Amino acid sequence: MSKYVQTNALKKGTRVVLRNGWEAVLEDNKRGSIRMATVFGTYTEMGSIYAHDIAGYEEVMYDFQGKRQGKVWVKLPYIGENFLEILMRKAA
């Protein structure tokens, strides 16, 4: 994925980090401001999270022969919640 990927491009099973530092695994392929995820915080819970709370995602790196080299965290640009609400209103 690109360095400037949007939260809509993240698919089911993608490991993400939230703005509060907790990690989560996305459980749906939906688009929009709310995503379903399993969050590994104080307790492990499944529930809805806001897309603007996703700070980054984990990407697996491969070499030119297709061998897995490791994992790297990619930071997402911050899109404020107000901006997302404006986009949703325009789309409706």
N, C-alpha and C. Protein backbone atom coordinates (compact mmCIF):
# COMPACT_ATOMS: atom_id res chain seq x y z
N MET A 1 0.83 -1.19 0.00
CA MET A 1 0.00 0.00 0.00
C MET A 1 0.87 1.25 0.00
N SER A 2 0.31 2.31 -0.46
CA SER A 2 1.02 3.56 -0.56
C SER A 2 1.25 4.21 0.80
N LYS A 3 2.19 5.13 0.86
CA LYS A 3 2.45 5.85 2.10
C LYS A 3 1.26 6.71 2.51
N TYR A 4 0.47 7.15 1.52
CA TYR A 4 -0.66 8.03 1.78
C TYR A 4 -1.99 7.31 1.64
N VAL A 5 -2.05 6.09 2.11
CA VAL A 5 -3.28 5.30 2.03
C VAL A 5 -4.35 5.89 2.95
N GLN A 6 -5.60 5.76 2.54
CA GLN A 6 -6.69 6.22 3.38
C GLN A 6 -7.24 5.04 4.17
N THR A 7 -7.99 5.34 5.22
CA THR A 7 -8.53 4.28 6.06
C THR A 7 -9.53 3.41 5.29
N ASN A 8 -10.13 3.91 4.23
CA ASN A 8 -11.05 3.11 3.43
C ASN A 8 -10.33 1.99 2.69
N ALA A 9 -9.04 2.14 2.43
CA ALA A 9 -8.29 1.13 1.69
C ALA A 9 -7.82 -0.03 2.58
N LEU A 10 -7.94 0.09 3.88
CA LEU A 10 -7.51 -0.96 4.79
C LEU A 10 -8.53 -2.09 4.79
N LYS A 11 -8.06 -3.32 4.65
CA LYS A 11 -8.95 -4.47 4.51
C LYS A 11 -9.05 -5.28 5.80
N LYS A 12 -9.95 -6.26 5.79
CA LYS A 12 -10.16 -7.15 6.93
C LYS A 12 -8.86 -7.87 7.26
N GLY A 13 -8.54 -7.95 8.54
CA GLY A 13 -7.33 -8.63 8.99
C GLY A 13 -6.12 -7.73 9.12
N THR A 14 -6.24 -6.47 8.70
CA THR A 14 -5.12 -5.54 8.81
C THR A 14 -4.93 -5.14 10.27
N ARG A 15 -3.68 -5.21 10.72
CA ARG A 15 -3.36 -4.80 12.10
C ARG A 15 -3.09 -3.30 12.08
N VAL A 16 -3.79 -2.57 12.95
CA VAL A 16 -3.66 -1.11 13.00
C VAL A 16 -3.31 -0.69 14.42
N VAL A 17 -2.80 0.52 14.54
CA VAL A 17 -2.55 1.12 15.84
C VAL A 17 -3.46 2.34 15.95
N LEU A 18 -4.08 2.50 17.11
CA LEU A 18 -5.00 3.61 17.33
C LEU A 18 -4.26 4.80 17.91
N ARG A 19 -4.88 5.95 17.90
CA ARG A 19 -4.25 7.18 18.38
C ARG A 19 -3.92 7.12 19.88
N ASN A 20 -4.62 6.27 20.64
CA ASN A 20 -4.32 6.14 22.07
C ASN A 20 -3.21 5.12 22.34
N GLY A 21 -2.65 4.51 21.28
CA GLY A 21 -1.54 3.58 21.43
C GLY A 21 -1.94 2.11 21.42
N TRP A 22 -3.21 1.80 21.48
CA TRP A 22 -3.66 0.41 21.48
C TRP A 22 -3.63 -0.13 20.06
N GLU A 23 -3.43 -1.45 19.97
CA GLU A 23 -3.45 -2.10 18.67
C GLU A 23 -4.81 -2.74 18.44
N ALA A 24 -5.16 -2.94 17.16
CA ALA A 24 -6.44 -3.53 16.81
C ALA A 24 -6.29 -4.28 15.49
N VAL A 25 -7.21 -5.20 15.24
CA VAL A 25 -7.29 -5.91 13.97
C VAL A 25 -8.66 -5.60 13.37
N LEU A 26 -8.67 -5.11 12.12
CA LEU A 26 -9.93 -4.77 11.47
C LEU A 26 -10.71 -6.03 11.13
N GLU A 27 -12.01 -6.00 11.36
CA GLU A 27 -12.86 -7.17 11.16
C GLU A 27 -13.85 -7.01 10.01
N ASP A 28 -13.80 -5.88 9.28
CA ASP A 28 -14.72 -5.69 8.16
C ASP A 28 -14.02 -4.96 7.03
N ASN A 29 -14.67 -4.92 5.88
CA ASN A 29 -14.15 -4.20 4.72
C ASN A 29 -14.98 -2.97 4.40
N LYS A 30 -15.77 -2.51 5.35
CA LYS A 30 -16.65 -1.37 5.11
C LYS A 30 -15.86 -0.09 4.90
N ARG A 31 -16.53 0.85 4.28
CA ARG A 31 -15.96 2.17 4.09
C ARG A 31 -16.76 3.16 4.92
N GLY A 32 -16.14 4.26 5.27
CA GLY A 32 -16.84 5.27 6.05
C GLY A 32 -16.11 5.61 7.34
N SER A 33 -16.83 6.25 8.23
CA SER A 33 -16.18 6.77 9.43
C SER A 33 -16.19 5.78 10.59
N ILE A 34 -16.88 4.66 10.50
CA ILE A 34 -16.92 3.67 11.58
C ILE A 34 -16.50 2.32 11.04
N ARG A 35 -15.56 1.65 11.75
CA ARG A 35 -15.08 0.33 11.36
C ARG A 35 -15.23 -0.63 12.53
N MET A 36 -15.40 -1.91 12.24
CA MET A 36 -15.47 -2.96 13.26
C MET A 36 -14.06 -3.49 13.47
N ALA A 37 -13.67 -3.65 14.74
CA ALA A 37 -12.30 -4.10 15.03
C ALA A 37 -12.25 -4.83 16.36
N THR A 38 -11.26 -5.72 16.48
CA THR A 38 -10.91 -6.32 17.76
C THR A 38 -9.78 -5.48 18.34
N VAL A 39 -10.02 -4.87 19.48
CA VAL A 39 -9.05 -3.94 20.09
C VAL A 39 -8.35 -4.64 21.24
N PHE A 40 -7.01 -4.57 21.24
CA PHE A 40 -6.20 -5.16 22.30
C PHE A 40 -5.73 -4.05 23.22
N GLY A 41 -6.56 -3.72 24.20
CA GLY A 41 -6.25 -2.65 25.15
C GLY A 41 -6.11 -3.25 26.54
N THR A 42 -6.74 -2.61 27.52
CA THR A 42 -6.76 -3.16 28.87
C THR A 42 -7.42 -4.54 28.84
N TYR A 43 -8.48 -4.66 28.05
CA TYR A 43 -9.14 -5.94 27.78
C TYR A 43 -9.21 -6.10 26.27
N THR A 44 -9.33 -7.33 25.81
CA THR A 44 -9.52 -7.57 24.38
C THR A 44 -11.01 -7.56 24.10
N GLU A 45 -11.43 -6.61 23.28
CA GLU A 45 -12.84 -6.45 22.98
C GLU A 45 -13.04 -6.23 21.49
N MET A 46 -14.21 -6.66 20.99
CA MET A 46 -14.57 -6.37 19.61
C MET A 46 -15.68 -5.33 19.61
N GLY A 47 -15.54 -4.34 18.74
CA GLY A 47 -16.55 -3.30 18.66
C GLY A 47 -16.23 -2.30 17.58
N SER A 48 -17.00 -1.25 17.54
CA SER A 48 -16.83 -0.20 16.54
C SER A 48 -15.76 0.79 16.97
N ILE A 49 -14.97 1.24 15.99
CA ILE A 49 -13.99 2.30 16.23
C ILE A 49 -14.19 3.35 15.14
N TYR A 50 -13.81 4.57 15.44
CA TYR A 50 -13.87 5.63 14.43
C TYR A 50 -12.64 5.56 13.54
N ALA A 51 -12.84 5.80 12.25
CA ALA A 51 -11.74 5.74 11.29
C ALA A 51 -10.69 6.81 11.59
N HIS A 52 -11.10 7.97 12.13
CA HIS A 52 -10.13 9.02 12.41
C HIS A 52 -9.26 8.67 13.62
N ASP A 53 -9.58 7.62 14.35
CA ASP A 53 -8.74 7.17 15.48
C ASP A 53 -7.62 6.23 15.03
N ILE A 54 -7.61 5.82 13.77
CA ILE A 54 -6.55 4.93 13.27
C ILE A 54 -5.33 5.78 12.94
N ALA A 55 -4.22 5.50 13.61
CA ALA A 55 -3.00 6.30 13.43
C ALA A 55 -2.05 5.67 12.42
N GLY A 56 -2.11 4.35 12.25
CA GLY A 56 -1.20 3.69 11.33
C GLY A 56 -1.58 2.24 11.16
N TYR A 57 -0.90 1.55 10.25
CA TYR A 57 -1.16 0.14 10.01
C TYR A 57 0.15 -0.60 9.80
N GLU A 58 0.09 -1.91 9.94
CA GLU A 58 1.27 -2.76 9.82
C GLU A 58 1.36 -3.30 8.39
N GLU A 59 2.52 -3.14 7.77
CA GLU A 59 2.73 -3.62 6.41
C GLU A 59 3.88 -4.62 6.40
N VAL A 60 3.69 -5.73 5.70
CA VAL A 60 4.73 -6.76 5.60
C VAL A 60 5.63 -6.42 4.43
N MET A 61 6.93 -6.45 4.64
CA MET A 61 7.90 -6.12 3.60
C MET A 61 8.47 -7.39 2.99
N TYR A 62 8.62 -7.39 1.66
CA TYR A 62 9.17 -8.53 0.93
C TYR A 62 10.37 -8.07 0.12
N ASP A 63 11.32 -9.00 -0.14
CA ASP A 63 12.45 -8.67 -1.00
C ASP A 63 12.08 -8.97 -2.45
N PHE A 64 13.04 -8.82 -3.37
CA PHE A 64 12.76 -8.99 -4.79
C PHE A 64 12.45 -10.44 -5.16
N GLN A 65 12.80 -11.40 -4.30
CA GLN A 65 12.52 -12.81 -4.57
C GLN A 65 11.19 -13.25 -3.95
N GLY A 66 10.52 -12.36 -3.28
CA GLY A 66 9.24 -12.68 -2.67
C GLY A 66 9.35 -13.23 -1.26
N LYS A 67 10.55 -13.20 -0.68
CA LYS A 67 10.73 -13.68 0.69
C LYS A 67 10.36 -12.57 1.67
N ARG A 68 9.73 -12.99 2.73
CA ARG A 68 9.29 -12.04 3.75
C ARG A 68 10.50 -11.50 4.52
N GLN A 69 10.62 -10.17 4.60
CA GLN A 69 11.74 -9.54 5.28
C GLN A 69 11.40 -9.05 6.67
N GLY A 70 10.16 -8.75 6.92
CA GLY A 70 9.77 -8.25 8.22
C GLY A 70 8.55 -7.38 8.11
N LYS A 71 8.22 -6.73 9.22
CA LYS A 71 7.04 -5.87 9.27
C LYS A 71 7.47 -4.45 9.61
N VAL A 72 6.69 -3.50 9.11
CA VAL A 72 6.96 -2.10 9.39
C VAL A 72 5.62 -1.41 9.62
N TRP A 73 5.62 -0.43 10.54
CA TRP A 73 4.40 0.35 10.81
C TRP A 73 4.41 1.56 9.92
N VAL A 74 3.30 1.81 9.23
CA VAL A 74 3.15 2.95 8.33
C VAL A 74 2.18 3.93 8.97
N LYS A 75 2.61 5.18 9.11
CA LYS A 75 1.79 6.21 9.74
C LYS A 75 0.79 6.76 8.72
N LEU A 76 -0.45 6.97 9.16
CA LEU A 76 -1.48 7.55 8.31
C LEU A 76 -1.59 9.04 8.59
N PRO A 77 -1.88 9.85 7.57
CA PRO A 77 -2.10 11.27 7.83
C PRO A 77 -3.38 11.46 8.63
N TYR A 78 -3.39 12.43 9.52
CA TYR A 78 -4.56 12.64 10.38
C TYR A 78 -5.64 13.39 9.60
N ILE A 79 -6.83 12.80 9.57
CA ILE A 79 -8.00 13.45 9.00
C ILE A 79 -8.94 13.67 10.16
N GLY A 80 -9.20 14.91 10.48
CA GLY A 80 -10.03 15.23 11.63
C GLY A 80 -11.45 14.72 11.49
N GLU A 81 -12.09 14.49 12.60
CA GLU A 81 -13.45 13.96 12.57
C GLU A 81 -14.41 14.94 11.92
N ASN A 82 -14.19 16.22 12.07
CA ASN A 82 -15.08 17.19 11.45
C ASN A 82 -15.00 17.11 9.93
N PHE A 83 -13.81 16.90 9.39
CA PHE A 83 -13.63 16.78 7.95
C PHE A 83 -14.38 15.57 7.42
N LEU A 84 -14.31 14.45 8.14
CA LEU A 84 -15.03 13.25 7.71
C LEU A 84 -16.53 13.47 7.75
N GLU A 85 -17.03 14.15 8.76
CA GLU A 85 -18.47 14.42 8.83
C GLU A 85 -18.92 15.28 7.66
N ILE A 86 -18.11 16.26 7.27
CA ILE A 86 -18.46 17.12 6.13
C ILE A 86 -18.51 16.29 4.85
N LEU A 87 -17.54 15.39 4.66
CA LEU A 87 -17.54 14.54 3.47
C LEU A 87 -18.76 13.62 3.44
N MET A 88 -19.15 13.09 4.58
CA MET A 88 -20.31 12.19 4.63
C MET A 88 -21.59 12.97 4.30
N ARG A 89 -21.68 14.20 4.76
CA ARG A 89 -22.88 15.01 4.45
C ARG A 89 -22.97 15.32 2.97
N LYS A 90 -21.81 15.61 2.33
CA LYS A 90 -21.80 15.92 0.91
C LYS A 90 -22.14 14.68 0.08
N ALA A 91 -21.72 13.51 0.55
CA ALA A 91 -21.98 12.27 -0.18
C ALA A 91 -23.45 11.87 -0.11
N ALA A 92 -24.14 12.26 0.94
CA ALA A 92 -25.55 11.85 1.12
C ALA A 92 -26.50 12.67 0.28
